[in-house]
Amino acid sequence: MSGQGRSSAMNSKVALVLCVVVLIQTQMAQAAVYNVGGSGGWTFNTVAWPKGKRFRAGDILAFNYLSGAHNVVAVNKDGYSNCRTPRGAKVYTKGGDKIKIVKGQNYFICNFAGHCESGMKISVFAS
């Protein structure tokens, strides 16, 4: 009898672990990858690109551009509105940057001279 009790408890633990693994994989599979700017990539006049899209925390924004021609800077609301890079802002320069967005508002600009002012910036809200 006692052998069956241990076996049953072990089966319950295995089932619980399997459920947790499935839930984690399901959650990870739900993350979407968005190519910022669509087929044109991260370039001028992308400010309207997020319109009509539904983003979730954990989704990935792929910024495709030529390294040296542009960059991506994660900024705050003021940095976005004024096209300024706040102290300590994360700057991406590789040209195939993949950035995981967080819940709430996410702001990105290109801080090359005149680029942000020419619409090379996006604001994305993630639920």
N, C-alpha and C. Protein backbone atom coordinates (compact mmCIF):
# COMPACT_ATOMS: atom_id res chain seq x y z
N MET A 1 0.81 -1.20 0.00
CA MET A 1 0.00 0.00 0.00
C MET A 1 0.85 1.26 0.00
N SER A 2 1.89 1.27 0.87
CA SER A 2 2.69 2.49 0.97
C SER A 2 3.43 2.77 -0.34
N GLY A 3 3.76 1.76 -1.12
CA GLY A 3 4.42 1.94 -2.40
C GLY A 3 3.53 2.69 -3.38
N GLN A 4 2.23 2.40 -3.34
CA GLN A 4 1.30 3.08 -4.24
C GLN A 4 1.18 4.55 -3.87
N GLY A 5 1.24 4.88 -2.59
CA GLY A 5 1.15 6.28 -2.15
C GLY A 5 2.31 7.10 -2.68
N ARG A 6 3.53 6.53 -2.60
CA ARG A 6 4.71 7.24 -3.11
C ARG A 6 4.64 7.39 -4.62
N SER A 7 4.19 6.37 -5.31
CA SER A 7 4.07 6.40 -6.76
C SER A 7 3.06 7.46 -7.20
N SER A 8 1.95 7.52 -6.50
CA SER A 8 0.92 8.50 -6.81
C SER A 8 1.44 9.92 -6.58
N ALA A 9 2.16 10.13 -5.48
CA ALA A 9 2.73 11.45 -5.19
C ALA A 9 3.75 11.84 -6.25
N MET A 10 4.56 10.86 -6.68
CA MET A 10 5.58 11.13 -7.69
C MET A 10 4.91 11.48 -9.02
N ASN A 11 3.86 10.76 -9.38
CA ASN A 11 3.13 11.05 -10.62
C ASN A 11 2.53 12.45 -10.58
N SER A 12 2.02 12.87 -9.43
CA SER A 12 1.45 14.20 -9.28
C SER A 12 2.51 15.27 -9.47
N LYS A 13 3.71 15.03 -8.93
CA LYS A 13 4.81 16.00 -9.07
C LYS A 13 5.27 16.09 -10.52
N VAL A 14 5.37 14.97 -11.19
CA VAL A 14 5.77 14.95 -12.60
C VAL A 14 4.72 15.70 -13.43
N ALA A 15 3.46 15.46 -13.16
CA ALA A 15 2.39 16.14 -13.90
C ALA A 15 2.45 17.64 -13.67
N LEU A 16 2.72 18.05 -12.44
CA LEU A 16 2.82 19.48 -12.14
C LEU A 16 3.98 20.11 -12.89
N VAL A 17 5.14 19.46 -12.89
CA VAL A 17 6.31 19.98 -13.61
C VAL A 17 6.01 20.08 -15.10
N LEU A 18 5.37 19.08 -15.67
CA LEU A 18 5.02 19.12 -17.09
C LEU A 18 4.07 20.26 -17.41
N CYS A 19 3.10 20.50 -16.54
CA CYS A 19 2.16 21.62 -16.73
C CYS A 19 2.90 22.95 -16.72
N VAL A 20 3.83 23.12 -15.80
CA VAL A 20 4.60 24.37 -15.72
C VAL A 20 5.42 24.56 -16.98
N VAL A 21 6.07 23.51 -17.46
CA VAL A 21 6.87 23.60 -18.68
C VAL A 21 6.00 23.99 -19.87
N VAL A 22 4.84 23.39 -20.00
CA VAL A 22 3.92 23.70 -21.10
C VAL A 22 3.47 25.16 -21.01
N LEU A 23 3.13 25.62 -19.83
CA LEU A 23 2.71 27.02 -19.66
C LEU A 23 3.81 27.99 -20.05
N ILE A 24 5.03 27.72 -19.65
CA ILE A 24 6.16 28.60 -19.99
C ILE A 24 6.37 28.62 -21.49
N GLN A 25 6.34 27.46 -22.13
CA GLN A 25 6.53 27.41 -23.57
C GLN A 25 5.40 28.10 -24.31
N THR A 26 4.19 27.98 -23.83
CA THR A 26 3.05 28.65 -24.45
C THR A 26 3.20 30.15 -24.34
N GLN A 27 3.61 30.63 -23.17
CA GLN A 27 3.79 32.06 -22.98
C GLN A 27 4.90 32.59 -23.88
N MET A 28 5.99 31.85 -24.01
CA MET A 28 7.10 32.27 -24.85
C MET A 28 6.69 32.26 -26.32
N ALA A 29 5.88 31.29 -26.71
CA ALA A 29 5.45 31.19 -28.09
C ALA A 29 4.54 32.34 -28.49
N GLN A 30 3.89 32.97 -27.53
CA GLN A 30 2.98 34.06 -27.83
C GLN A 30 3.70 35.37 -28.14
N ALA A 31 4.96 35.49 -27.77
CA ALA A 31 5.71 36.72 -28.06
C ALA A 31 5.85 36.87 -29.57
N ALA A 32 5.53 38.05 -30.07
CA ALA A 32 5.61 38.31 -31.50
C ALA A 32 6.86 39.14 -31.80
N VAL A 33 7.35 39.01 -33.02
CA VAL A 33 8.47 39.82 -33.49
C VAL A 33 7.93 40.76 -34.56
N TYR A 34 8.17 42.04 -34.38
CA TYR A 34 7.72 43.06 -35.32
C TYR A 34 8.92 43.72 -35.98
N ASN A 35 8.93 43.77 -37.30
CA ASN A 35 9.97 44.47 -38.03
C ASN A 35 9.58 45.94 -38.12
N VAL A 36 10.26 46.76 -37.35
CA VAL A 36 9.92 48.18 -37.27
C VAL A 36 10.08 48.82 -38.66
N GLY A 37 9.02 49.50 -39.09
CA GLY A 37 9.02 50.15 -40.39
C GLY A 37 8.60 49.23 -41.52
N GLY A 38 8.28 47.98 -41.19
CA GLY A 38 7.88 47.02 -42.22
C GLY A 38 9.04 46.68 -43.13
N SER A 39 8.76 46.47 -44.41
CA SER A 39 9.80 46.05 -45.36
C SER A 39 10.86 47.13 -45.57
N GLY A 40 10.52 48.39 -45.31
CA GLY A 40 11.48 49.48 -45.47
C GLY A 40 12.47 49.58 -44.32
N GLY A 41 12.16 48.92 -43.22
CA GLY A 41 13.05 48.94 -42.06
C GLY A 41 12.97 50.24 -41.28
N TRP A 42 13.90 50.37 -40.34
CA TRP A 42 14.00 51.55 -39.46
C TRP A 42 14.61 52.68 -40.26
N THR A 43 13.77 53.64 -40.65
CA THR A 43 14.22 54.76 -41.47
C THR A 43 13.33 55.97 -41.21
N PHE A 44 13.41 56.97 -42.03
CA PHE A 44 12.65 58.19 -41.85
C PHE A 44 11.14 57.93 -42.01
N ASN A 45 10.35 58.77 -41.37
CA ASN A 45 8.88 58.71 -41.44
C ASN A 45 8.30 57.39 -40.94
N THR A 46 8.88 56.84 -39.89
CA THR A 46 8.33 55.62 -39.30
C THR A 46 7.46 55.93 -38.08
N VAL A 47 7.28 57.19 -37.77
CA VAL A 47 6.55 57.58 -36.57
C VAL A 47 5.14 56.98 -36.52
N ALA A 48 4.50 56.79 -37.67
CA ALA A 48 3.14 56.26 -37.71
C ALA A 48 3.10 54.73 -37.81
N TRP A 49 4.24 54.08 -37.96
CA TRP A 49 4.27 52.63 -38.14
C TRP A 49 3.51 51.84 -37.06
N PRO A 50 3.59 52.20 -35.77
CA PRO A 50 2.88 51.39 -34.76
C PRO A 50 1.36 51.46 -34.80
N LYS A 51 0.80 52.46 -35.46
CA LYS A 51 -0.65 52.65 -35.47
C LYS A 51 -1.37 51.39 -35.98
N GLY A 52 -2.40 50.97 -35.22
CA GLY A 52 -3.20 49.82 -35.59
C GLY A 52 -2.62 48.48 -35.17
N LYS A 53 -1.45 48.49 -34.55
CA LYS A 53 -0.85 47.25 -34.09
C LYS A 53 -1.08 47.10 -32.59
N ARG A 54 -1.23 45.85 -32.14
CA ARG A 54 -1.42 45.56 -30.71
C ARG A 54 -0.17 44.86 -30.21
N PHE A 55 0.51 45.52 -29.29
CA PHE A 55 1.75 44.98 -28.74
C PHE A 55 1.52 44.47 -27.33
N ARG A 56 2.29 43.46 -26.97
CA ARG A 56 2.25 42.92 -25.61
C ARG A 56 3.65 42.98 -25.01
N ALA A 57 3.70 43.13 -23.71
CA ALA A 57 4.98 43.08 -23.02
C ALA A 57 5.66 41.77 -23.37
N GLY A 58 6.93 41.84 -23.71
CA GLY A 58 7.68 40.65 -24.11
C GLY A 58 7.81 40.51 -25.61
N ASP A 59 6.99 41.23 -26.39
CA ASP A 59 7.15 41.21 -27.84
C ASP A 59 8.51 41.81 -28.19
N ILE A 60 8.99 41.48 -29.37
CA ILE A 60 10.30 41.92 -29.82
C ILE A 60 10.14 42.90 -30.98
N LEU A 61 10.82 44.04 -30.88
CA LEU A 61 10.89 44.97 -32.00
C LEU A 61 12.24 44.76 -32.68
N ALA A 62 12.22 44.46 -33.97
CA ALA A 62 13.45 44.27 -34.74
C ALA A 62 13.69 45.54 -35.54
N PHE A 63 14.79 46.21 -35.23
CA PHE A 63 15.17 47.45 -35.90
C PHE A 63 16.22 47.10 -36.94
N ASN A 64 15.82 47.10 -38.22
CA ASN A 64 16.74 46.76 -39.30
C ASN A 64 17.17 48.03 -40.03
N TYR A 65 18.48 48.27 -40.05
CA TYR A 65 19.05 49.46 -40.67
C TYR A 65 20.53 49.20 -40.90
N LEU A 66 21.17 50.03 -41.70
CA LEU A 66 22.60 49.92 -41.93
C LEU A 66 23.35 50.54 -40.75
N SER A 67 24.22 49.75 -40.14
CA SER A 67 25.04 50.26 -39.05
C SER A 67 25.86 51.43 -39.56
N GLY A 68 25.90 52.50 -38.80
CA GLY A 68 26.63 53.70 -39.20
C GLY A 68 25.74 54.73 -39.87
N ALA A 69 24.60 54.28 -40.42
CA ALA A 69 23.66 55.20 -41.06
C ALA A 69 22.61 55.69 -40.08
N HIS A 70 22.28 54.86 -39.09
CA HIS A 70 21.28 55.17 -38.09
C HIS A 70 21.67 54.49 -36.79
N ASN A 71 20.85 54.69 -35.77
CA ASN A 71 20.95 53.94 -34.53
C ASN A 71 19.56 53.87 -33.91
N VAL A 72 19.45 53.23 -32.77
CA VAL A 72 18.20 53.17 -32.03
C VAL A 72 18.53 53.53 -30.60
N VAL A 73 17.77 54.45 -30.03
CA VAL A 73 17.98 54.86 -28.65
C VAL A 73 16.65 54.68 -27.91
N ALA A 74 16.70 53.91 -26.83
CA ALA A 74 15.53 53.76 -25.95
C ALA A 74 15.50 54.99 -25.05
N VAL A 75 14.44 55.78 -25.17
CA VAL A 75 14.35 57.04 -24.44
C VAL A 75 13.08 57.10 -23.59
N ASN A 76 12.97 58.15 -22.80
CA ASN A 76 11.75 58.41 -22.03
C ASN A 76 10.83 59.32 -22.85
N LYS A 77 9.69 59.69 -22.29
CA LYS A 77 8.72 60.51 -23.01
C LYS A 77 9.31 61.85 -23.43
N ASP A 78 10.05 62.49 -22.54
CA ASP A 78 10.67 63.77 -22.85
C ASP A 78 11.67 63.63 -23.99
N GLY A 79 12.49 62.58 -23.94
CA GLY A 79 13.46 62.33 -25.01
C GLY A 79 12.77 62.12 -26.35
N TYR A 80 11.64 61.43 -26.32
CA TYR A 80 10.86 61.19 -27.54
C TYR A 80 10.26 62.49 -28.06
N SER A 81 9.62 63.24 -27.19
CA SER A 81 8.95 64.48 -27.60
C SER A 81 9.92 65.53 -28.12
N ASN A 82 11.09 65.62 -27.49
CA ASN A 82 12.07 66.66 -27.83
C ASN A 82 13.23 66.16 -28.67
N CYS A 83 13.19 64.89 -29.08
CA CYS A 83 14.29 64.31 -29.87
C CYS A 83 15.64 64.54 -29.19
N ARG A 84 15.68 64.21 -27.92
CA ARG A 84 16.92 64.34 -27.14
C ARG A 84 17.23 63.02 -26.45
N THR A 85 18.51 62.72 -26.34
CA THR A 85 18.94 61.50 -25.67
C THR A 85 19.24 61.78 -24.21
N PRO A 86 18.44 61.23 -23.30
CA PRO A 86 18.70 61.45 -21.88
C PRO A 86 20.00 60.76 -21.44
N ARG A 87 20.59 61.28 -20.41
CA ARG A 87 21.80 60.68 -19.85
C ARG A 87 21.50 59.23 -19.46
N GLY A 88 22.39 58.34 -19.81
CA GLY A 88 22.25 56.94 -19.45
C GLY A 88 21.34 56.13 -20.36
N ALA A 89 20.83 56.74 -21.43
CA ALA A 89 19.94 56.03 -22.35
C ALA A 89 20.70 54.91 -23.06
N LYS A 90 20.03 53.81 -23.33
CA LYS A 90 20.63 52.68 -24.05
C LYS A 90 20.63 52.99 -25.54
N VAL A 91 21.82 52.93 -26.15
CA VAL A 91 21.98 53.20 -27.58
C VAL A 91 22.36 51.90 -28.29
N TYR A 92 21.63 51.55 -29.34
CA TYR A 92 21.89 50.35 -30.13
C TYR A 92 22.47 50.79 -31.48
N THR A 93 23.49 50.10 -31.95
CA THR A 93 24.19 50.55 -33.16
C THR A 93 24.48 49.45 -34.17
N LYS A 94 24.07 48.23 -33.92
CA LYS A 94 24.46 47.10 -34.77
C LYS A 94 23.73 47.04 -36.11
N GLY A 95 22.50 47.49 -36.15
CA GLY A 95 21.75 47.44 -37.40
C GLY A 95 20.81 46.27 -37.54
N GLY A 96 20.76 45.39 -36.61
CA GLY A 96 19.80 44.29 -36.59
C GLY A 96 19.34 44.10 -35.17
N ASP A 97 19.11 45.22 -34.50
CA ASP A 97 18.83 45.21 -33.07
C ASP A 97 17.45 44.66 -32.77
N LYS A 98 17.40 43.75 -31.80
CA LYS A 98 16.13 43.17 -31.36
C LYS A 98 15.94 43.58 -29.91
N ILE A 99 14.85 44.31 -29.67
CA ILE A 99 14.59 44.88 -28.35
C ILE A 99 13.26 44.36 -27.83
N LYS A 100 13.30 43.78 -26.63
CA LYS A 100 12.09 43.28 -25.99
C LYS A 100 11.39 44.46 -25.32
N ILE A 101 10.11 44.65 -25.63
CA ILE A 101 9.39 45.77 -25.04
C ILE A 101 8.77 45.37 -23.71
N VAL A 102 8.60 46.38 -22.88
CA VAL A 102 8.06 46.19 -21.54
C VAL A 102 6.61 46.69 -21.49
N LYS A 103 5.91 46.32 -20.45
CA LYS A 103 4.53 46.77 -20.27
C LYS A 103 4.51 48.28 -20.13
N GLY A 104 3.55 48.92 -20.80
CA GLY A 104 3.43 50.37 -20.76
C GLY A 104 3.99 50.99 -22.03
N GLN A 105 4.33 52.25 -21.94
CA GLN A 105 4.80 52.99 -23.10
C GLN A 105 6.29 52.77 -23.30
N ASN A 106 6.71 52.53 -24.53
CA ASN A 106 8.10 52.34 -24.92
C ASN A 106 8.41 53.36 -26.01
N TYR A 107 9.52 54.07 -25.85
CA TYR A 107 9.89 55.13 -26.80
C TYR A 107 11.26 54.85 -27.40
N PHE A 108 11.37 55.08 -28.72
CA PHE A 108 12.64 54.87 -29.41
C PHE A 108 12.84 55.98 -30.44
N ILE A 109 14.08 56.42 -30.57
CA ILE A 109 14.44 57.43 -31.56
C ILE A 109 15.76 57.04 -32.21
N CYS A 110 16.06 57.67 -33.33
CA CYS A 110 17.40 57.67 -33.90
C CYS A 110 17.97 59.03 -33.51
N ASN A 111 19.14 59.04 -32.86
CA ASN A 111 19.66 60.34 -32.40
C ASN A 111 20.72 60.93 -33.32
N PHE A 112 20.83 60.43 -34.56
CA PHE A 112 21.69 61.08 -35.53
C PHE A 112 21.05 62.44 -35.84
N ALA A 113 21.88 63.43 -36.10
CA ALA A 113 21.41 64.80 -36.33
C ALA A 113 20.28 64.85 -37.36
N GLY A 114 19.12 65.36 -36.94
CA GLY A 114 17.98 65.57 -37.82
C GLY A 114 17.11 64.35 -38.08
N HIS A 115 17.55 63.16 -37.70
CA HIS A 115 16.79 61.95 -38.02
C HIS A 115 15.48 61.87 -37.23
N CYS A 116 15.55 62.05 -35.93
CA CYS A 116 14.34 62.01 -35.11
C CYS A 116 13.36 63.09 -35.56
N GLU A 117 13.87 64.26 -35.83
CA GLU A 117 13.02 65.38 -36.27
C GLU A 117 12.36 65.08 -37.62
N SER A 118 12.94 64.16 -38.38
CA SER A 118 12.38 63.75 -39.67
C SER A 118 11.49 62.52 -39.54
N GLY A 119 11.03 62.25 -38.32
CA GLY A 119 10.08 61.16 -38.09
C GLY A 119 10.69 59.81 -37.82
N MET A 120 11.98 59.77 -37.53
CA MET A 120 12.62 58.49 -37.22
C MET A 120 12.53 58.26 -35.72
N LYS A 121 11.29 58.00 -35.29
CA LYS A 121 11.01 57.72 -33.90
C LYS A 121 9.68 56.98 -33.82
N ILE A 122 9.56 56.13 -32.80
CA ILE A 122 8.29 55.44 -32.58
C ILE A 122 7.98 55.40 -31.09
N SER A 123 6.69 55.37 -30.82
CA SER A 123 6.18 55.19 -29.47
C SER A 123 5.25 53.99 -29.51
N VAL A 124 5.51 53.00 -28.68
CA VAL A 124 4.76 51.75 -28.69
C VAL A 124 4.21 51.48 -27.31
N PHE A 125 2.90 51.22 -27.23
CA PHE A 125 2.29 50.84 -25.95
C PHE A 125 2.10 49.33 -25.93
N ALA A 126 2.59 48.70 -24.86
CA ALA A 126 2.45 47.26 -24.70
C ALA A 126 1.56 46.95 -23.51
N SER A 127 0.57 46.08 -23.71
CA SER A 127 -0.31 45.69 -22.61
C SER A 127 0.28 44.51 -21.85
